[in-house]
Amino acid sequence: MMRGDFERAAPQGKAFADAVRENNSPQWEAFVLSLDGWSRWHEGDRDAGRARMREGVAKLDQLHFVPFDGLFKGTLATLEAEMATLRAPGGSHAEGKKIPGRLGADL
């Protein structure tokens, strides 16, 4: 995810998700939600992917768990910007989006 290389990250993401499910850890489950969303996005299910990423980011915020906070929020912001570009007439990102959480970054 840090490199933005979905093809290389996908197998490790799936293995990580399996390990998290076995250990039942809420903060890592939030990571899995974000990774699952990223995966769905890249597999073509953009709306579901975005929703899962937003759910993961919100859960991390609720838990006040900050490792990789910027990575997940930045990735979500990139996906939302791409989504807006794809949907906007003429392909431009005209309206700002707000990411939930501590940073509340405007894009």
Protein backbone atom coordinates (compact mmCIF):
# COMPACT_ATOMS: atom_id res chain seq x y z
CA MET A 1 0.00 0.00 0.00
CA MET A 2 2.85 2.40 0.80
CA ARG A 3 4.22 1.96 -2.71
CA GLY A 4 0.77 2.08 -4.28
CA ASP A 5 1.49 -1.30 -5.89
CA PHE A 6 -1.72 -3.26 -5.52
CA GLU A 7 -0.51 -6.29 -7.45
CA ARG A 8 2.43 -6.86 -5.10
CA ALA A 9 0.52 -6.00 -1.92
CA ALA A 10 -2.63 -8.06 -2.49
CA PRO A 11 -1.25 -11.51 -1.49
CA GLN A 12 0.32 -10.14 1.72
CA GLY A 13 -2.87 -8.23 2.51
CA LYS A 14 -4.94 -11.38 2.29
CA ALA A 15 -2.49 -13.30 4.52
CA PHE A 16 -2.51 -10.41 7.03
CA ALA A 17 -6.34 -10.38 7.05
CA ASP A 18 -6.43 -14.12 7.77
CA ALA A 19 -3.98 -13.73 10.68
CA VAL A 20 -5.99 -10.83 12.14
CA ARG A 21 -9.24 -12.78 11.99
CA GLU A 22 -7.58 -15.64 13.90
CA ASN A 23 -6.41 -13.30 16.68
CA ASN A 24 -9.53 -11.09 17.02
CA SER A 25 -7.81 -7.74 17.50
CA PRO A 26 -10.06 -4.65 17.04
CA GLN A 27 -7.33 -2.26 15.92
CA TRP A 28 -5.95 -4.71 13.37
CA GLU A 29 -9.49 -5.45 12.20
CA ALA A 30 -9.74 -1.77 11.29
CA PHE A 31 -6.58 -2.18 9.20
CA VAL A 32 -8.20 -5.15 7.48
CA LEU A 33 -11.30 -3.08 6.66
CA SER A 34 -9.10 -0.49 4.99
CA LEU A 35 -7.05 -3.11 3.13
CA ASP A 36 -10.22 -4.87 2.01
CA GLY A 37 -11.58 -1.56 0.74
CA TRP A 38 -8.37 -0.86 -1.15
CA SER A 39 -8.57 -4.34 -2.65
CA ARG A 40 -12.22 -3.94 -3.70
CA TRP A 41 -11.41 -0.55 -5.24
CA HIS A 42 -8.64 -2.04 -7.38
CA GLU A 43 -10.80 -5.00 -8.36
CA GLY A 44 -13.37 -2.58 -9.80
CA ASP A 45 -15.96 -2.32 -7.00
CA ARG A 46 -15.19 1.33 -6.33
CA ASP A 47 -18.22 2.27 -4.22
CA ALA A 48 -17.88 -0.73 -1.91
CA GLY A 49 -14.12 -0.21 -1.69
CA ARG A 50 -14.51 3.41 -0.71
CA ALA A 51 -17.15 2.50 1.89
CA ARG A 52 -14.91 -0.16 3.45
CA MET A 53 -11.94 2.20 3.56
CA ARG A 54 -14.07 4.89 5.21
CA GLU A 55 -15.30 2.31 7.73
CA GLY A 56 -11.72 1.27 8.53
CA VAL A 57 -10.53 4.87 8.95
CA ALA A 58 -13.51 5.67 11.19
CA LYS A 59 -12.86 2.59 13.33
CA LEU A 60 -9.18 3.52 13.75
CA ASP A 61 -10.28 7.00 14.84
CA GLN A 62 -12.72 5.55 17.39
CA LEU A 63 -9.93 3.41 18.82
CA HIS A 64 -7.46 6.34 18.82
CA PHE A 65 -5.05 4.03 17.04
CA VAL A 66 -2.64 6.18 15.05
CA PRO A 67 0.03 3.91 13.51
CA PHE A 68 -0.27 4.26 9.74
CA ASP A 69 -3.08 6.81 10.20
CA GLY A 70 -1.69 9.00 7.43
CA LEU A 71 -1.24 6.04 5.10
CA PHE A 72 -4.88 4.96 5.33
CA LYS A 73 -6.29 8.48 5.23
CA GLY A 74 -4.01 9.44 2.37
CA THR A 75 -4.95 6.34 0.40
CA LEU A 76 -8.64 7.02 1.03
CA ALA A 77 -8.19 10.62 -0.08
CA THR A 78 -6.49 9.48 -3.28
CA LEU A 79 -9.31 7.02 -4.04
CA GLU A 80 -11.95 9.66 -3.37
CA ALA A 81 -10.15 12.15 -5.60
CA GLU A 82 -9.92 9.56 -8.38
CA MET A 83 -13.61 8.74 -7.91
CA ALA A 84 -14.56 12.41 -8.14
CA THR A 85 -12.40 12.82 -11.23
CA LEU A 86 -14.04 9.83 -12.88
CA ARG A 87 -17.56 11.08 -12.12
CA ALA A 88 -17.14 14.80 -12.75
CA PRO A 89 -18.13 16.29 -16.10
CA GLY A 90 -14.94 16.89 -18.00
CA GLY A 91 -13.04 14.75 -15.50
CA SER A 92 -12.12 17.46 -12.99
CA HIS A 93 -12.26 17.37 -9.21
CA ALA A 94 -14.26 20.47 -8.39
CA GLU A 95 -15.85 19.76 -5.02
CA GLY A 96 -13.92 19.22 -1.79
CA LYS A 97 -14.34 16.11 0.32
CA LYS A 98 -13.85 15.78 4.07
CA ILE A 99 -12.27 12.72 5.62
CA PRO A 100 -13.69 11.83 9.04
CA GLY A 101 -11.36 11.80 11.99
CA ARG A 102 -8.79 13.70 13.93
CA LEU A 103 -7.20 15.37 10.95
CA GLY A 104 -10.43 16.23 9.12
CA ALA A 105 -8.35 17.06 6.07
CA ASP A 106 -10.06 19.00 3.34
CA LEU A 107 -9.09 17.88 -0.13
